[in-house]
Amino acid sequence: QGLSRSVIMFFGNSTIITLLFWAVST
């Protein structure tokens, strides 16, 4: 719950970049 509040903000608040990072690294 806590990390979900901020995780997308780590990537400039871009959902697409967040998903790309996860897909590439996973």
mmCIF file of all heavy atoms, coordinates in Angstrom:
data_MODEL
# 
_entry.id   MODEL 
# 
loop_
_atom_site.group_PDB 
_atom_site.id 
_atom_site.type_symbol 
_atom_site.label_atom_id 
_atom_site.label_alt_id 
_atom_site.label_comp_id 
_atom_site.label_asym_id 
_atom_site.label_entity_id 
_atom_site.label_seq_id 
_atom_site.pdbx_PDB_ins_code 
_atom_site.Cartn_x 
_atom_site.Cartn_y 
_atom_site.Cartn_z 
_atom_site.occupancy 
_atom_site.B_iso_or_equiv 
_atom_site.pdbx_formal_charge 
_atom_site.auth_seq_id 
_atom_site.auth_comp_id 
_atom_site.auth_asym_id 
_atom_site.auth_atom_id 
_atom_site.pdbx_PDB_model_num 
ATOM 1   N N   . GLN A 1 1  ? 0.832  -1.205  0.000   1.00 0.00 ? 1  GLN A N   1 
ATOM 2   C CA  . GLN A 1 1  ? 0.000  0.000   0.000   1.00 0.00 ? 1  GLN A CA  1 
ATOM 3   C C   . GLN A 1 1  ? 0.866  1.255   0.000   1.00 0.00 ? 1  GLN A C   1 
ATOM 4   O O   . GLN A 1 1  ? 0.603  2.215   -0.726  1.00 0.00 ? 1  GLN A O   1 
ATOM 5   C CB  . GLN A 1 1  ? -0.918 0.005   1.230   1.00 0.00 ? 1  GLN A CB  1 
ATOM 6   C CG  . GLN A 1 1  ? -1.864 1.201   1.278   1.00 0.00 ? 1  GLN A CG  1 
ATOM 7   C CD  . GLN A 1 1  ? -2.634 1.285   2.593   1.00 0.00 ? 1  GLN A CD  1 
ATOM 8   O OE1 . GLN A 1 1  ? -2.187 0.763   3.614   1.00 0.00 ? 1  GLN A OE1 1 
ATOM 9   N NE2 . GLN A 1 1  ? -3.786 1.924   2.562   1.00 0.00 ? 1  GLN A NE2 1 
ATOM 10  N N   . GLY A 1 2  ? 1.924  1.250   0.809   1.00 0.00 ? 2  GLY A N   1 
ATOM 11  C CA  . GLY A 1 2  ? 2.781  2.418   0.908   1.00 0.00 ? 2  GLY A CA  1 
ATOM 12  C C   . GLY A 1 2  ? 3.561  2.699   -0.356  1.00 0.00 ? 2  GLY A C   1 
ATOM 13  O O   . GLY A 1 2  ? 3.588  3.832   -0.854  1.00 0.00 ? 2  GLY A O   1 
ATOM 14  N N   . LEU A 1 3  ? 4.217  1.657   -0.910  1.00 0.00 ? 3  LEU A N   1 
ATOM 15  C CA  . LEU A 1 3  ? 5.038  1.865   -2.102  1.00 0.00 ? 3  LEU A CA  1 
ATOM 16  C C   . LEU A 1 3  ? 4.190  2.199   -3.323  1.00 0.00 ? 3  LEU A C   1 
ATOM 17  O O   . LEU A 1 3  ? 4.632  2.930   -4.211  1.00 0.00 ? 3  LEU A O   1 
ATOM 18  C CB  . LEU A 1 3  ? 5.887  0.614   -2.377  1.00 0.00 ? 3  LEU A CB  1 
ATOM 19  C CG  . LEU A 1 3  ? 6.936  0.737   -3.485  1.00 0.00 ? 3  LEU A CG  1 
ATOM 20  C CD1 . LEU A 1 3  ? 7.900  1.888   -3.213  1.00 0.00 ? 3  LEU A CD1 1 
ATOM 21  C CD2 . LEU A 1 3  ? 7.699  -0.573  -3.653  1.00 0.00 ? 3  LEU A CD2 1 
ATOM 22  N N   . SER A 1 4  ? 2.961  1.693   -3.366  1.00 0.00 ? 4  SER A N   1 
ATOM 23  C CA  . SER A 1 4  ? 2.104  1.974   -4.524  1.00 0.00 ? 4  SER A CA  1 
ATOM 24  C C   . SER A 1 4  ? 1.756  3.458   -4.628  1.00 0.00 ? 4  SER A C   1 
ATOM 25  O O   . SER A 1 4  ? 1.423  3.950   -5.707  1.00 0.00 ? 4  SER A O   1 
ATOM 26  C CB  . SER A 1 4  ? 0.819  1.142   -4.448  1.00 0.00 ? 4  SER A CB  1 
ATOM 27  O OG  . SER A 1 4  ? -0.003 1.559   -3.364  1.00 0.00 ? 4  SER A OG  1 
ATOM 28  N N   . ARG A 1 5  ? 1.847  4.199   -3.533  1.00 0.00 ? 5  ARG A N   1 
ATOM 29  C CA  . ARG A 1 5  ? 1.556  5.639   -3.568  1.00 0.00 ? 5  ARG A CA  1 
ATOM 30  C C   . ARG A 1 5  ? 2.601  6.416   -4.351  1.00 0.00 ? 5  ARG A C   1 
ATOM 31  O O   . ARG A 1 5  ? 2.321  7.495   -4.871  1.00 0.00 ? 5  ARG A O   1 
ATOM 32  C CB  . ARG A 1 5  ? 1.477  6.208   -2.147  1.00 0.00 ? 5  ARG A CB  1 
ATOM 33  C CG  . ARG A 1 5  ? 0.301  5.728   -1.321  1.00 0.00 ? 5  ARG A CG  1 
ATOM 34  C CD  . ARG A 1 5  ? 0.251  6.406   0.034   1.00 0.00 ? 5  ARG A CD  1 
ATOM 35  N NE  . ARG A 1 5  ? 1.522  6.273   0.755   1.00 0.00 ? 5  ARG A NE  1 
ATOM 36  C CZ  . ARG A 1 5  ? 2.207  7.299   1.235   1.00 0.00 ? 5  ARG A CZ  1 
ATOM 37  N NH1 . ARG A 1 5  ? 1.783  8.535   1.061   1.00 0.00 ? 5  ARG A NH1 1 
ATOM 38  N NH2 . ARG A 1 5  ? 3.334  7.099   1.901   1.00 0.00 ? 5  ARG A NH2 1 
ATOM 39  N N   . SER A 1 6  ? 3.835  5.880   -4.410  1.00 0.00 ? 6  SER A N   1 
ATOM 40  C CA  . SER A 1 6  ? 4.928  6.672   -4.965  1.00 0.00 ? 6  SER A CA  1 
ATOM 41  C C   . SER A 1 6  ? 5.639  6.042   -6.144  1.00 0.00 ? 6  SER A C   1 
ATOM 42  O O   . SER A 1 6  ? 6.427  6.709   -6.813  1.00 0.00 ? 6  SER A O   1 
ATOM 43  C CB  . SER A 1 6  ? 5.961  6.944   -3.860  1.00 0.00 ? 6  SER A CB  1 
ATOM 44  O OG  . SER A 1 6  ? 6.460  5.735   -3.318  1.00 0.00 ? 6  SER A OG  1 
ATOM 45  N N   . VAL A 1 7  ? 5.390  4.766   -6.426  1.00 0.00 ? 7  VAL A N   1 
ATOM 46  C CA  . VAL A 1 7  ? 6.231  4.060   -7.399  1.00 0.00 ? 7  VAL A CA  1 
ATOM 47  C C   . VAL A 1 7  ? 6.186  4.705   -8.786  1.00 0.00 ? 7  VAL A C   1 
ATOM 48  O O   . VAL A 1 7  ? 7.221  4.817   -9.465  1.00 0.00 ? 7  VAL A O   1 
ATOM 49  C CB  . VAL A 1 7  ? 5.846  2.562   -7.460  1.00 0.00 ? 7  VAL A CB  1 
ATOM 50  C CG1 . VAL A 1 7  ? 4.420  2.364   -7.997  1.00 0.00 ? 7  VAL A CG1 1 
ATOM 51  C CG2 . VAL A 1 7  ? 6.847  1.790   -8.312  1.00 0.00 ? 7  VAL A CG2 1 
ATOM 52  N N   . ILE A 1 8  ? 5.033  5.153   -9.231  1.00 0.00 ? 8  ILE A N   1 
ATOM 53  C CA  . ILE A 1 8  ? 4.948  5.759   -10.566 1.00 0.00 ? 8  ILE A CA  1 
ATOM 54  C C   . ILE A 1 8  ? 5.646  7.112   -10.593 1.00 0.00 ? 8  ILE A C   1 
ATOM 55  O O   . ILE A 1 8  ? 6.223  7.498   -11.616 1.00 0.00 ? 8  ILE A O   1 
ATOM 56  C CB  . ILE A 1 8  ? 3.474  5.864   -11.006 1.00 0.00 ? 8  ILE A CB  1 
ATOM 57  C CG1 . ILE A 1 8  ? 2.865  4.467   -11.150 1.00 0.00 ? 8  ILE A CG1 1 
ATOM 58  C CG2 . ILE A 1 8  ? 3.336  6.623   -12.329 1.00 0.00 ? 8  ILE A CG2 1 
ATOM 59  C CD1 . ILE A 1 8  ? 1.395  4.442   -11.509 1.00 0.00 ? 8  ILE A CD1 1 
ATOM 60  N N   . MET A 1 9  ? 5.633  7.811   -9.465  1.00 0.00 ? 9  MET A N   1 
ATOM 61  C CA  . MET A 1 9  ? 6.305  9.110   -9.399  1.00 0.00 ? 9  MET A CA  1 
ATOM 62  C C   . MET A 1 9  ? 7.808  8.972   -9.595  1.00 0.00 ? 9  MET A C   1 
ATOM 63  O O   . MET A 1 9  ? 8.476  9.893   -10.071 1.00 0.00 ? 9  MET A O   1 
ATOM 64  C CB  . MET A 1 9  ? 6.000  9.773   -8.057  1.00 0.00 ? 9  MET A CB  1 
ATOM 65  C CG  . MET A 1 9  ? 6.395  11.236  -7.982  1.00 0.00 ? 9  MET A CG  1 
ATOM 66  S SD  . MET A 1 9  ? 5.404  12.267  -9.105  1.00 0.00 ? 9  MET A SD  1 
ATOM 67  C CE  . MET A 1 9  ? 6.100  13.887  -8.775  1.00 0.00 ? 9  MET A CE  1 
ATOM 68  N N   . PHE A 1 10 ? 8.370  7.815   -9.225  1.00 0.00 ? 10 PHE A N   1 
ATOM 69  C CA  . PHE A 1 10 ? 9.802  7.583   -9.450  1.00 0.00 ? 10 PHE A CA  1 
ATOM 70  C C   . PHE A 1 10 ? 10.160 7.721   -10.930 1.00 0.00 ? 10 PHE A C   1 
ATOM 71  O O   . PHE A 1 10 ? 11.301 8.016   -11.273 1.00 0.00 ? 10 PHE A O   1 
ATOM 72  C CB  . PHE A 1 10 ? 10.203 6.178   -8.996  1.00 0.00 ? 10 PHE A CB  1 
ATOM 73  C CG  . PHE A 1 10 ? 10.200 5.975   -7.500  1.00 0.00 ? 10 PHE A CG  1 
ATOM 74  C CD1 . PHE A 1 10 ? 10.113 4.714   -6.959  1.00 0.00 ? 10 PHE A CD1 1 
ATOM 75  C CD2 . PHE A 1 10 ? 10.287 7.054   -6.629  1.00 0.00 ? 10 PHE A CD2 1 
ATOM 76  C CE1 . PHE A 1 10 ? 10.119 4.510   -5.594  1.00 0.00 ? 10 PHE A CE1 1 
ATOM 77  C CE2 . PHE A 1 10 ? 10.287 6.870   -5.258  1.00 0.00 ? 10 PHE A CE2 1 
ATOM 78  C CZ  . PHE A 1 10 ? 10.205 5.594   -4.736  1.00 0.00 ? 10 PHE A CZ  1 
ATOM 79  N N   . PHE A 1 11 ? 9.185  7.491   -11.801 1.00 0.00 ? 11 PHE A N   1 
ATOM 80  C CA  . PHE A 1 11 ? 9.410  7.506   -13.246 1.00 0.00 ? 11 PHE A CA  1 
ATOM 81  C C   . PHE A 1 11 ? 8.768  8.730   -13.897 1.00 0.00 ? 11 PHE A C   1 
ATOM 82  O O   . PHE A 1 11 ? 8.245  8.665   -15.004 1.00 0.00 ? 11 PHE A O   1 
ATOM 83  C CB  . PHE A 1 11 ? 8.870  6.222   -13.865 1.00 0.00 ? 11 PHE A CB  1 
ATOM 84  C CG  . PHE A 1 11 ? 9.522  4.972   -13.327 1.00 0.00 ? 11 PHE A CG  1 
ATOM 85  C CD1 . PHE A 1 11 ? 8.974  4.286   -12.255 1.00 0.00 ? 11 PHE A CD1 1 
ATOM 86  C CD2 . PHE A 1 11 ? 10.704 4.504   -13.883 1.00 0.00 ? 11 PHE A CD2 1 
ATOM 87  C CE1 . PHE A 1 11 ? 9.587  3.152   -11.748 1.00 0.00 ? 11 PHE A CE1 1 
ATOM 88  C CE2 . PHE A 1 11 ? 11.308 3.363   -13.381 1.00 0.00 ? 11 PHE A CE2 1 
ATOM 89  C CZ  . PHE A 1 11 ? 10.761 2.690   -12.310 1.00 0.00 ? 11 PHE A CZ  1 
ATOM 90  N N   . GLY A 1 12 ? 8.808  9.843   -13.189 1.00 0.00 ? 12 GLY A N   1 
ATOM 91  C CA  . GLY A 1 12 ? 8.259  11.080  -13.732 1.00 0.00 ? 12 GLY A CA  1 
ATOM 92  C C   . GLY A 1 12 ? 6.758  11.063  -13.861 1.00 0.00 ? 12 GLY A C   1 
ATOM 93  O O   . GLY A 1 12 ? 6.192  11.780  -14.694 1.00 0.00 ? 12 GLY A O   1 
ATOM 94  N N   . ASN A 1 13 ? 6.105  10.239  -13.038 1.00 0.00 ? 13 ASN A N   1 
ATOM 95  C CA  . ASN A 1 13 ? 4.648  10.092  -13.054 1.00 0.00 ? 13 ASN A CA  1 
ATOM 96  C C   . ASN A 1 13 ? 4.132  9.556   -14.386 1.00 0.00 ? 13 ASN A C   1 
ATOM 97  O O   . ASN A 1 13 ? 2.993  9.814   -14.779 1.00 0.00 ? 13 ASN A O   1 
ATOM 98  C CB  . ASN A 1 13 ? 3.962  11.421  -12.716 1.00 0.00 ? 13 ASN A CB  1 
ATOM 99  C CG  . ASN A 1 13 ? 2.630  11.213  -12.019 1.00 0.00 ? 13 ASN A CG  1 
ATOM 100 O OD1 . ASN A 1 13 ? 2.420  10.226  -11.336 1.00 0.00 ? 13 ASN A OD1 1 
ATOM 101 N ND2 . ASN A 1 13 ? 1.707  12.144  -12.206 1.00 0.00 ? 13 ASN A ND2 1 
ATOM 102 N N   . SER A 1 14 ? 4.982  8.781   -15.070 1.00 0.00 ? 14 SER A N   1 
ATOM 103 C CA  . SER A 1 14 ? 4.596  8.186   -16.348 1.00 0.00 ? 14 SER A CA  1 
ATOM 104 C C   . SER A 1 14 ? 4.306  6.698   -16.159 1.00 0.00 ? 14 SER A C   1 
ATOM 105 O O   . SER A 1 14 ? 5.213  5.915   -15.850 1.00 0.00 ? 14 SER A O   1 
ATOM 106 C CB  . SER A 1 14 ? 5.709  8.359   -17.383 1.00 0.00 ? 14 SER A CB  1 
ATOM 107 O OG  . SER A 1 14 ? 5.443  7.589   -18.543 1.00 0.00 ? 14 SER A OG  1 
ATOM 108 N N   . THR A 1 15 ? 3.053  6.319   -16.356 1.00 0.00 ? 15 THR A N   1 
ATOM 109 C CA  . THR A 1 15 ? 2.683  4.916   -16.227 1.00 0.00 ? 15 THR A CA  1 
ATOM 110 C C   . THR A 1 15 ? 3.377  4.065   -17.289 1.00 0.00 ? 15 THR A C   1 
ATOM 111 O O   . THR A 1 15 ? 3.819  2.941   -17.010 1.00 0.00 ? 15 THR A O   1 
ATOM 112 C CB  . THR A 1 15 ? 1.153  4.768   -16.359 1.00 0.00 ? 15 THR A CB  1 
ATOM 113 O OG1 . THR A 1 15 ? 0.518  5.551   -15.348 1.00 0.00 ? 15 THR A OG1 1 
ATOM 114 C CG2 . THR A 1 15 ? 0.733  3.317   -16.199 1.00 0.00 ? 15 THR A CG2 1 
ATOM 115 N N   . ILE A 1 16 ? 3.502  4.592   -18.494 1.00 0.00 ? 16 ILE A N   1 
ATOM 116 C CA  . ILE A 1 16 ? 4.127  3.838   -19.589 1.00 0.00 ? 16 ILE A CA  1 
ATOM 117 C C   . ILE A 1 16 ? 5.584  3.527   -19.275 1.00 0.00 ? 16 ILE A C   1 
ATOM 118 O O   . ILE A 1 16 ? 6.049  2.387   -19.426 1.00 0.00 ? 16 ILE A O   1 
ATOM 119 C CB  . ILE A 1 16 ? 4.004  4.615   -20.913 1.00 0.00 ? 16 ILE A CB  1 
ATOM 120 C CG1 . ILE A 1 16 ? 2.542  4.698   -21.341 1.00 0.00 ? 16 ILE A CG1 1 
ATOM 121 C CG2 . ILE A 1 16 ? 4.837  3.945   -22.003 1.00 0.00 ? 16 ILE A CG2 1 
ATOM 122 C CD1 . ILE A 1 16 ? 2.309  5.538   -22.582 1.00 0.00 ? 16 ILE A CD1 1 
ATOM 123 N N   . ILE A 1 17 ? 6.325  4.536   -18.820 1.00 0.00 ? 17 ILE A N   1 
ATOM 124 C CA  . ILE A 1 17 ? 7.743  4.313   -18.500 1.00 0.00 ? 17 ILE A CA  1 
ATOM 125 C C   . ILE A 1 17 ? 7.875  3.343   -17.326 1.00 0.00 ? 17 ILE A C   1 
ATOM 126 O O   . ILE A 1 17 ? 8.766  2.485   -17.306 1.00 0.00 ? 17 ILE A O   1 
ATOM 127 C CB  . ILE A 1 17 ? 8.434  5.649   -18.188 1.00 0.00 ? 17 ILE A CB  1 
ATOM 128 C CG1 . ILE A 1 17 ? 8.468  6.524   -19.447 1.00 0.00 ? 17 ILE A CG1 1 
ATOM 129 C CG2 . ILE A 1 17 ? 9.857  5.421   -17.674 1.00 0.00 ? 17 ILE A CG2 1 
ATOM 130 C CD1 . ILE A 1 17 ? 9.051  7.901   -19.220 1.00 0.00 ? 17 ILE A CD1 1 
ATOM 131 N N   . THR A 1 18 ? 6.967  3.466   -16.347 1.00 0.00 ? 18 THR A N   1 
ATOM 132 C CA  . THR A 1 18 ? 6.988  2.546   -15.211 1.00 0.00 ? 18 THR A CA  1 
ATOM 133 C C   . THR A 1 18 ? 6.813  1.110   -15.676 1.00 0.00 ? 18 THR A C   1 
ATOM 134 O O   . THR A 1 18 ? 7.555  0.202   -15.262 1.00 0.00 ? 18 THR A O   1 
ATOM 135 C CB  . THR A 1 18 ? 5.874  2.904   -14.215 1.00 0.00 ? 18 THR A CB  1 
ATOM 136 O OG1 . THR A 1 18 ? 5.994  4.272   -13.823 1.00 0.00 ? 18 THR A OG1 1 
ATOM 137 C CG2 . THR A 1 18 ? 5.942  2.023   -12.983 1.00 0.00 ? 18 THR A CG2 1 
ATOM 138 N N   . LEU A 1 19 ? 5.837  0.885   -16.552 1.00 0.00 ? 19 LEU A N   1 
ATOM 139 C CA  . LEU A 1 19 ? 5.579  -0.471  -17.050 1.00 0.00 ? 19 LEU A CA  1 
ATOM 140 C C   . LEU A 1 19 ? 6.732  -0.975  -17.911 1.00 0.00 ? 19 LEU A C   1 
ATOM 141 O O   . LEU A 1 19 ? 7.096  -2.158  -17.848 1.00 0.00 ? 19 LEU A O   1 
ATOM 142 C CB  . LEU A 1 19 ? 4.272  -0.490  -17.840 1.00 0.00 ? 19 LEU A CB  1 
ATOM 143 C CG  . LEU A 1 19 ? 2.989  -0.330  -17.004 1.00 0.00 ? 19 LEU A CG  1 
ATOM 144 C CD1 . LEU A 1 19 ? 1.782  -0.157  -17.920 1.00 0.00 ? 19 LEU A CD1 1 
ATOM 145 C CD2 . LEU A 1 19 ? 2.794  -1.547  -16.099 1.00 0.00 ? 19 LEU A CD2 1 
ATOM 146 N N   . LEU A 1 20 ? 7.316  -0.093  -18.718 1.00 0.00 ? 20 LEU A N   1 
ATOM 147 C CA  . LEU A 1 20 ? 8.460  -0.498  -19.546 1.00 0.00 ? 20 LEU A CA  1 
ATOM 148 C C   . LEU A 1 20 ? 9.643  -0.915  -18.676 1.00 0.00 ? 20 LEU A C   1 
ATOM 149 O O   . LEU A 1 20 ? 10.317 -1.911  -18.956 1.00 0.00 ? 20 LEU A O   1 
ATOM 150 C CB  . LEU A 1 20 ? 8.864  0.642   -20.476 1.00 0.00 ? 20 LEU A CB  1 
ATOM 151 C CG  . LEU A 1 20 ? 7.995  0.837   -21.724 1.00 0.00 ? 20 LEU A CG  1 
ATOM 152 C CD1 . LEU A 1 20 ? 8.428  2.096   -22.478 1.00 0.00 ? 20 LEU A CD1 1 
ATOM 153 C CD2 . LEU A 1 20 ? 8.079  -0.380  -22.643 1.00 0.00 ? 20 LEU A CD2 1 
ATOM 154 N N   . PHE A 1 21 ? 9.903  -0.138  -17.637 1.00 0.00 ? 21 PHE A N   1 
ATOM 155 C CA  . PHE A 1 21 ? 10.992 -0.495  -16.731 1.00 0.00 ? 21 PHE A CA  1 
ATOM 156 C C   . PHE A 1 21 ? 10.755 -1.874  -16.136 1.00 0.00 ? 21 PHE A C   1 
ATOM 157 O O   . PHE A 1 21 ? 11.661 -2.716  -16.088 1.00 0.00 ? 21 PHE A O   1 
ATOM 158 C CB  . PHE A 1 21 ? 11.120 0.532   -15.608 1.00 0.00 ? 21 PHE A CB  1 
ATOM 159 C CG  . PHE A 1 21 ? 12.074 0.108   -14.517 1.00 0.00 ? 21 PHE A CG  1 
ATOM 160 C CD1 . PHE A 1 21 ? 13.439 0.288   -14.673 1.00 0.00 ? 21 PHE A CD1 1 
ATOM 161 C CD2 . PHE A 1 21 ? 11.608 -0.483  -13.345 1.00 0.00 ? 21 PHE A CD2 1 
ATOM 162 C CE1 . PHE A 1 21 ? 14.322 -0.109  -13.683 1.00 0.00 ? 21 PHE A CE1 1 
ATOM 163 C CE2 . PHE A 1 21 ? 12.490 -0.891  -12.351 1.00 0.00 ? 21 PHE A CE2 1 
ATOM 164 C CZ  . PHE A 1 21 ? 13.853 -0.699  -12.520 1.00 0.00 ? 21 PHE A CZ  1 
ATOM 165 N N   . TRP A 1 22 ? 9.540  -2.101  -15.650 1.00 0.00 ? 22 TRP A N   1 
ATOM 166 C CA  . TRP A 1 22 ? 9.243  -3.402  -15.035 1.00 0.00 ? 22 TRP A CA  1 
ATOM 167 C C   . TRP A 1 22 ? 9.382  -4.525  -16.062 1.00 0.00 ? 22 TRP A C   1 
ATOM 168 O O   . TRP A 1 22 ? 9.983  -5.576  -15.767 1.00 0.00 ? 22 TRP A O   1 
ATOM 169 C CB  . TRP A 1 22 ? 7.832  -3.413  -14.448 1.00 0.00 ? 22 TRP A CB  1 
ATOM 170 C CG  . TRP A 1 22 ? 7.527  -4.751  -13.830 1.00 0.00 ? 22 TRP A CG  1 
ATOM 171 C CD1 . TRP A 1 22 ? 7.885  -5.187  -12.599 1.00 0.00 ? 22 TRP A CD1 1 
ATOM 172 C CD2 . TRP A 1 22 ? 6.836  -5.832  -14.468 1.00 0.00 ? 22 TRP A CD2 1 
ATOM 173 N NE1 . TRP A 1 22 ? 7.463  -6.481  -12.410 1.00 0.00 ? 22 TRP A NE1 1 
ATOM 174 C CE2 . TRP A 1 22 ? 6.814  -6.900  -13.530 1.00 0.00 ? 22 TRP A CE2 1 
ATOM 175 C CE3 . TRP A 1 22 ? 6.228  -6.012  -15.703 1.00 0.00 ? 22 TRP A CE3 1 
ATOM 176 C CZ2 . TRP A 1 22 ? 6.204  -8.121  -13.814 1.00 0.00 ? 22 TRP A CZ2 1 
ATOM 177 C CZ3 . TRP A 1 22 ? 5.632  -7.229  -15.987 1.00 0.00 ? 22 TRP A CZ3 1 
ATOM 178 C CH2 . TRP A 1 22 ? 5.616  -8.263  -15.055 1.00 0.00 ? 22 TRP A CH2 1 
ATOM 179 N N   . ALA A 1 23 ? 8.858  -4.314  -17.254 1.00 0.00 ? 23 ALA A N   1 
ATOM 180 C CA  . ALA A 1 23 ? 8.901  -5.367  -18.270 1.00 0.00 ? 23 ALA A CA  1 
ATOM 181 C C   . ALA A 1 23 ? 10.347 -5.702  -18.664 1.00 0.00 ? 23 ALA A C   1 
ATOM 182 O O   . ALA A 1 23 ? 10.730 -6.871  -18.759 1.00 0.00 ? 23 ALA A O   1 
ATOM 183 C CB  . ALA A 1 23 ? 8.099  -4.937  -19.494 1.00 0.00 ? 23 ALA A CB  1 
ATOM 184 N N   . VAL A 1 24 ? 11.157 -4.683  -18.885 1.00 0.00 ? 24 VAL A N   1 
ATOM 185 C CA  . VAL A 1 24 ? 12.544 -4.913  -19.305 1.00 0.00 ? 24 VAL A CA  1 
ATOM 186 C C   . VAL A 1 24 ? 13.340 -5.579  -18.194 1.00 0.00 ? 24 VAL A C   1 
ATOM 187 O O   . VAL A 1 24 ? 14.102 -6.519  -18.433 1.00 0.00 ? 24 VAL A O   1 
ATOM 188 C CB  . VAL A 1 24 ? 13.204 -3.586  -19.728 1.00 0.00 ? 24 VAL A CB  1 
ATOM 189 C CG1 . VAL A 1 24 ? 14.710 -3.775  -19.938 1.00 0.00 ? 24 VAL A CG1 1 
ATOM 190 C CG2 . VAL A 1 24 ? 12.561 -3.064  -21.002 1.00 0.00 ? 24 VAL A CG2 1 
ATOM 191 N N   . SER A 1 25 ? 13.173 -5.097  -16.958 1.00 0.00 ? 25 SER A N   1 
ATOM 192 C CA  . SER A 1 25 ? 13.977 -5.618  -15.858 1.00 0.00 ? 25 SER A CA  1 
ATOM 193 C C   . SER A 1 25 ? 13.471 -6.960  -15.329 1.00 0.00 ? 25 SER A C   1 
ATOM 194 O O   . SER A 1 25 ? 14.204 -7.670  -14.648 1.00 0.00 ? 25 SER A O   1 
ATOM 195 C CB  . SER A 1 25 ? 14.032 -4.603  -14.709 1.00 0.00 ? 25 SER A CB  1 
ATOM 196 O OG  . SER A 1 25 ? 12.726 -4.303  -14.236 1.00 0.00 ? 25 SER A OG  1 
ATOM 197 N N   . THR A 1 26 ? 12.232 -7.333  -15.662 1.00 0.00 ? 26 THR A N   1 
ATOM 198 C CA  . THR A 1 26 ? 11.672 -8.587  -15.154 1.00 0.00 ? 26 THR A CA  1 
ATOM 199 C C   . THR A 1 26 ? 11.588 -9.662  -16.228 1.00 0.00 ? 26 THR A C   1 
ATOM 200 O O   . THR A 1 26 ? 11.931 -10.833 -15.993 1.00 0.00 ? 26 THR A O   1 
ATOM 201 C CB  . THR A 1 26 ? 10.265 -8.353  -14.564 1.00 0.00 ? 26 THR A CB  1 
ATOM 202 O OG1 . THR A 1 26 ? 10.320 -7.301  -13.599 1.00 0.00 ? 26 THR A OG1 1 
ATOM 203 C CG2 . THR A 1 26 ? 9.728  -9.617  -13.910 1.00 0.00 ? 26 THR A CG2 1 
# 
